[in-house]
C-alpha cells in the first residue's frame, strides 16, 4: 500500500513538471508545431482548421488531462485577429470560427494581412468561390480580396 502511494506521488510530480510547458502561453511554443492551417472565407468571417503535431510529453499530457489545455496557445496563434471562437480541439487538430476577419469594399470583401502567433508550414486560403491560394512557411496571412 505504501509503495502505491509513493508511485502516485511520483506520477503527480512528473505530471506537474510536464504541465508547466503545456500551460505556459509563449509566442512560439516548442511543444506544438503547426503543420497546416486552412482558412475558408465566407463574407466577413472565416472558418479555420489547424493541424498540428505535439511533442511526446505534450501528447501524454493531453491524453491524460484533455486537449482543452491547448486552448491558450491556439488563441495566442490568433491574437492579431478579432472575435475567435474555438469549436473543437482534438489530439492533432483544432476548428475555429473568426468573425470580422474581412470587411466589405465596393461589392467585394477585403482581408488585410494579419500576423500569426507562430509559423505554419502550409497556409491554405479558400475563397468563397472554391478557389484557393497556398502559402508555405509563413507567419502571417496575406492581403486578399474576394
C-alpha atoms as a PDB file:
ATOM      1  CA  UNK A   1       0.000   0.000   0.000  1.00  0.00           C
ATOM      2  CA  UNK A   2       2.814   2.395   0.872  1.00  0.00           C
ATOM      3  CA  UNK A   3       4.594   1.804  -2.430  1.00  0.00           C
ATOM      4  CA  UNK A   4       1.389   2.595  -4.327  1.00  0.00           C
ATOM      5  CA  UNK A   5       1.193   5.962  -2.570  1.00  0.00           C
ATOM      6  CA  UNK A   6       4.828   6.688  -3.489  1.00  0.00           C
ATOM      7  CA  UNK A   7       4.156   5.772  -7.095  1.00  0.00           C
ATOM      8  CA  UNK A   8       1.097   8.051  -7.189  1.00  0.00           C
ATOM      9  CA  UNK A   9       3.028  10.963  -5.665  1.00  0.00           C
ATOM     10  CA  UNK A  10       5.892  10.463  -8.149  1.00  0.00           C
ATOM     11  CA  UNK A  11       3.398  10.324 -11.017  1.00  0.00           C
ATOM     12  CA  UNK A  12       1.735  13.547  -9.851  1.00  0.00           C
ATOM     13  CA  UNK A  13       5.088  15.327  -9.611  1.00  0.00           C
ATOM     14  CA  UNK A  14       6.022  14.220 -13.117  1.00  0.00           C
ATOM     15  CA  UNK A  15       2.666  15.489 -14.393  1.00  0.00           C
ATOM     16  CA  UNK A  16       3.231  18.877 -12.721  1.00  0.00           C
ATOM     17  CA  UNK A  17       6.635  19.230 -14.407  1.00  0.00           C
ATOM     18  CA  UNK A  18       5.200  18.160 -17.751  1.00  0.00           C
ATOM     19  CA  UNK A  19       2.230  20.516 -17.494  1.00  0.00           C
ATOM     20  CA  UNK A  20       4.344  23.637 -16.954  1.00  0.00           C
ATOM     21  CA  UNK A  21       5.414  23.974 -20.606  1.00  0.00           C
ATOM     22  CA  UNK A  22       1.989  22.925 -21.888  1.00  0.00           C
ATOM     23  CA  UNK A  23       0.019  25.542 -19.993  1.00  0.00           C
ATOM     24  CA  UNK A  24       2.509  28.374 -20.452  1.00  0.00           C
ATOM     25  CA  UNK A  25       1.478  30.744 -23.225  1.00  0.00           C
ATOM     26  CA  UNK A  26       4.562  31.635 -25.185  1.00  0.00           C
ATOM     27  CA  UNK A  27       4.923  33.324 -28.551  1.00  0.00           C
ATOM     28  CA  UNK A  28       6.339  30.221 -30.235  1.00  0.00           C
ATOM     29  CA  UNK A  29       5.824  27.181 -28.031  1.00  0.00           C
ATOM     30  CA  UNK A  30       8.353  24.434 -28.649  1.00  0.00           C
ATOM     31  CA  UNK A  31       5.982  21.557 -27.885  1.00  0.00           C
ATOM     32  CA  UNK A  32       3.476  22.357 -30.656  1.00  0.00           C
ATOM     33  CA  UNK A  33       4.295  22.510 -34.371  1.00  0.00           C
ATOM     34  CA  UNK A  34       1.636  23.907 -36.726  1.00  0.00           C
ATOM     35  CA  UNK A  35       1.685  21.812 -39.895  1.00  0.00           C
ATOM     36  CA  UNK A  36      -1.264  23.178 -41.848  1.00  0.00           C
ATOM     37  CA  UNK A  37      -3.876  25.887 -41.470  1.00  0.00           C
ATOM     38  CA  UNK A  38      -6.880  26.218 -43.759  1.00  0.00           C
ATOM     39  CA  UNK A  39      -8.911  29.452 -43.739  1.00  0.00           C
ATOM     40  CA  UNK A  40     -12.262  29.184 -45.528  1.00  0.00           C
ATOM     41  CA  UNK A  41     -13.726  32.666 -46.096  1.00  0.00           C
ATOM     42  CA  UNK A  42     -17.450  33.453 -46.099  1.00  0.00           C
ATOM     43  CA  UNK A  43     -18.383  37.132 -46.339  1.00  0.00           C
ATOM     44  CA  UNK A  44     -16.633  38.842 -43.385  1.00  0.00           C
ATOM     45  CA  UNK A  45     -15.986  35.626 -41.438  1.00  0.00           C
ATOM     46  CA  UNK A  46     -13.672  32.625 -41.737  1.00  0.00           C
ATOM     47  CA  UNK A  47     -13.683  29.029 -40.552  1.00  0.00           C
ATOM     48  CA  UNK A  48     -10.192  27.843 -39.688  1.00  0.00           C
ATOM     49  CA  UNK A  49      -8.910  24.292 -39.367  1.00  0.00           C
ATOM     50  CA  UNK A  50      -5.433  23.823 -37.933  1.00  0.00           C
ATOM     51  CA  UNK A  51      -3.473  20.586 -37.904  1.00  0.00           C
ATOM     52  CA  UNK A  52      -0.554  20.387 -35.523  1.00  0.00           C
ATOM     53  CA  UNK A  53       1.943  17.940 -34.039  1.00  0.00           C
ATOM     54  CA  UNK A  54       2.669  17.801 -30.328  1.00  0.00           C
ATOM     55  CA  UNK A  55       5.908  16.571 -28.821  1.00  0.00           C
ATOM     56  CA  UNK A  56       5.816  13.354 -26.798  1.00  0.00           C
ATOM     57  CA  UNK A  57       5.355  14.966 -23.375  1.00  0.00           C
ATOM     58  CA  UNK A  58       2.560  17.243 -24.606  1.00  0.00           C
ATOM     59  CA  UNK A  59       0.842  14.243 -26.220  1.00  0.00           C
ATOM     60  CA  UNK A  60       0.980  12.343 -22.926  1.00  0.00           C
ATOM     61  CA  UNK A  61      -0.306  15.350 -21.012  1.00  0.00           C
ATOM     62  CA  UNK A  62      -3.246  15.969 -23.360  1.00  0.00           C
ATOM     63  CA  UNK A  63      -4.060  12.260 -23.328  1.00  0.00           C
ATOM     64  CA  UNK A  64      -4.323  12.335 -19.529  1.00  0.00           C
ATOM     65  CA  UNK A  65      -5.661  15.847 -18.921  1.00  0.00           C
ATOM     66  CA  UNK A  66      -7.518  16.658 -22.141  1.00  0.00           C
ATOM     67  CA  UNK A  67      -6.785  18.738 -25.202  1.00  0.00           C
ATOM     68  CA  UNK A  68      -8.680  21.747 -23.820  1.00  0.00           C
ATOM     69  CA  UNK A  69      -5.375  22.726 -22.183  1.00  0.00           C
ATOM     70  CA  UNK A  70      -4.136  23.749 -25.636  1.00  0.00           C
ATOM     71  CA  UNK A  71      -6.815  26.471 -25.795  1.00  0.00           C
ATOM     72  CA  UNK A  72      -4.468  29.267 -24.661  1.00  0.00           C
ATOM     73  CA  UNK A  73      -1.763  28.568 -27.235  1.00  0.00           C
ATOM     74  CA  UNK A  74      -4.296  28.182 -30.029  1.00  0.00           C
ATOM     75  CA  UNK A  75      -5.887  31.517 -29.059  1.00  0.00           C
ATOM     76  CA  UNK A  76      -2.405  33.058 -28.952  1.00  0.00           C
ATOM     77  CA  UNK A  77      -1.935  31.934 -32.559  1.00  0.00           C
ATOM     78  CA  UNK A  78      -4.787  34.336 -33.470  1.00  0.00           C
ATOM     79  CA  UNK A  79      -4.046  37.207 -31.090  1.00  0.00           C
ATOM     80  CA  UNK A  80      -3.951  39.668 -34.024  1.00  0.00           C
ATOM     81  CA  UNK A  81      -7.497  38.677 -35.047  1.00  0.00           C
ATOM     82  CA  UNK A  82     -10.793  39.864 -33.567  1.00  0.00           C
ATOM     83  CA  UNK A  83     -13.513  37.559 -32.312  1.00  0.00           C
ATOM     84  CA  UNK A  84     -12.145  33.990 -32.224  1.00  0.00           C
ATOM     85  CA  UNK A  85     -14.337  31.073 -31.148  1.00  0.00           C
ATOM     86  CA  UNK A  86     -12.800  27.624 -30.736  1.00  0.00           C
ATOM     87  CA  UNK A  87     -15.347  24.995 -31.780  1.00  0.00           C
ATOM     88  CA  UNK A  88     -13.279  21.863 -31.254  1.00  0.00           C
ATOM     89  CA  UNK A  89      -9.797  20.805 -30.190  1.00  0.00           C
ATOM     90  CA  UNK A  90      -8.647  17.286 -30.970  1.00  0.00           C
ATOM     91  CA  UNK A  91      -5.377  15.486 -30.360  1.00  0.00           C
ATOM     92  CA  UNK A  92      -3.852  16.866 -33.578  1.00  0.00           C
ATOM     93  CA  UNK A  93      -6.292  19.479 -34.893  1.00  0.00           C
ATOM     94  CA  UNK A  94      -8.486  22.436 -33.942  1.00  0.00           C
ATOM     95  CA  UNK A  95     -11.501  24.038 -35.599  1.00  0.00           C
ATOM     96  CA  UNK A  96     -12.210  27.740 -35.059  1.00  0.00           C
ATOM     97  CA  UNK A  97     -14.546  30.471 -36.244  1.00  0.00           C
ATOM     98  CA  UNK A  98     -13.242  34.005 -36.660  1.00  0.00           C
ATOM     99  CA  UNK A  99     -15.701  36.868 -37.042  1.00  0.00           C
ATOM    100  CA  UNK A 100     -14.959  40.089 -38.897  1.00  0.00           C
ATOM    101  CA  UNK A 101     -11.732  38.813 -40.423  1.00  0.00           C
ATOM    102  CA  UNK A 102     -12.540  40.758 -43.611  1.00  0.00           C
ATOM    103  CA  UNK A 103     -14.528  43.885 -44.426  1.00  0.00           C
ATOM    104  CA  UNK A 104     -16.784  44.799 -47.354  1.00  0.00           C
ATOM    105  CA  UNK A 105     -15.362  47.119 -50.017  1.00  0.00           C
ATOM    106  CA  UNK A 106     -17.245  48.089 -53.224  1.00  0.00           C
ATOM    107  CA  UNK A 107     -19.126  44.803 -53.540  1.00  0.00           C
ATOM    108  CA  UNK A 108     -16.116  42.681 -52.605  1.00  0.00           C
ATOM    109  CA  UNK A 109     -14.543  41.654 -49.321  1.00  0.00           C
ATOM    110  CA  UNK A 110     -11.027  42.636 -48.333  1.00  0.00           C
ATOM    111  CA  UNK A 111      -8.897  40.623 -45.914  1.00  0.00           C
ATOM    112  CA  UNK A 112      -5.854  42.550 -44.756  1.00  0.00           C
ATOM    113  CA  UNK A 113      -2.741  40.634 -43.773  1.00  0.00           C
ATOM    114  CA  UNK A 114      -2.576  39.634 -40.109  1.00  0.00           C
ATOM    115  CA  UNK A 115       0.328  38.250 -38.118  1.00  0.00           C
ATOM    116  CA  UNK A 116       0.017  34.740 -36.720  1.00  0.00           C
ATOM    117  CA  UNK A 117       1.343  33.813 -33.291  1.00  0.00           C
ATOM    118  CA  UNK A 118       3.635  31.137 -34.743  1.00  0.00           C
ATOM    119  CA  UNK A 119       4.825  29.915 -38.125  1.00  0.00           C
ATOM    120  CA  UNK A 120       2.780  27.465 -40.191  1.00  0.00           C
ATOM    121  CA  UNK A 121       4.257  25.008 -42.693  1.00  0.00           C
ATOM    122  CA  UNK A 122       1.325  25.434 -45.095  1.00  0.00           C
ATOM    123  CA  UNK A 123      -1.418  28.080 -45.073  1.00  0.00           C
ATOM    124  CA  UNK A 124      -4.335  27.462 -47.428  1.00  0.00           C
ATOM    125  CA  UNK A 125      -6.712  30.367 -48.094  1.00  0.00           C
ATOM    126  CA  UNK A 126     -10.000  29.207 -49.635  1.00  0.00           C
ATOM    127  CA  UNK A 127     -12.159  31.838 -51.329  1.00  0.00           C
ATOM    128  CA  UNK A 128     -15.979  31.577 -51.289  1.00  0.00           C
ATOM    129  CA  UNK A 129     -15.845  30.513 -54.976  1.00  0.00           C
ATOM    130  CA  UNK A 130     -13.785  27.446 -54.006  1.00  0.00           C
ATOM    131  CA  UNK A 131     -10.527  28.729 -55.497  1.00  0.00           C
ATOM    132  CA  UNK A 132      -7.563  28.573 -53.148  1.00  0.00           C
ATOM    133  CA  UNK A 133      -4.133  30.049 -52.531  1.00  0.00           C
ATOM    134  CA  UNK A 134      -1.304  28.216 -50.764  1.00  0.00           C
ATOM    135  CA  UNK A 135       1.492  29.870 -48.816  1.00  0.00           C
ATOM    136  CA  UNK A 136       4.380  27.840 -47.384  1.00  0.00           C
ATOM    137  CA  UNK A 137       6.360  28.590 -44.215  1.00  0.00           C
ATOM    138  CA  UNK A 138       4.543  31.748 -43.218  1.00  0.00           C
ATOM    139  CA  UNK A 139       3.914  33.724 -40.051  1.00  0.00           C
ATOM    140  CA  UNK A 140       1.074  35.850 -41.442  1.00  0.00           C
ATOM    141  CA  UNK A 141      -1.927  35.752 -43.726  1.00  0.00           C
ATOM    142  CA  UNK A 142      -1.751  37.717 -46.969  1.00  0.00           C
ATOM    143  CA  UNK A 143      -3.825  40.575 -48.361  1.00  0.00           C
ATOM    144  CA  UNK A 144      -6.642  39.137 -50.462  1.00  0.00           C
ATOM    145  CA  UNK A 145      -9.993  40.240 -51.839  1.00  0.00           C
ATOM    146  CA  UNK A 146     -12.921  38.131 -52.939  1.00  0.00           C
END
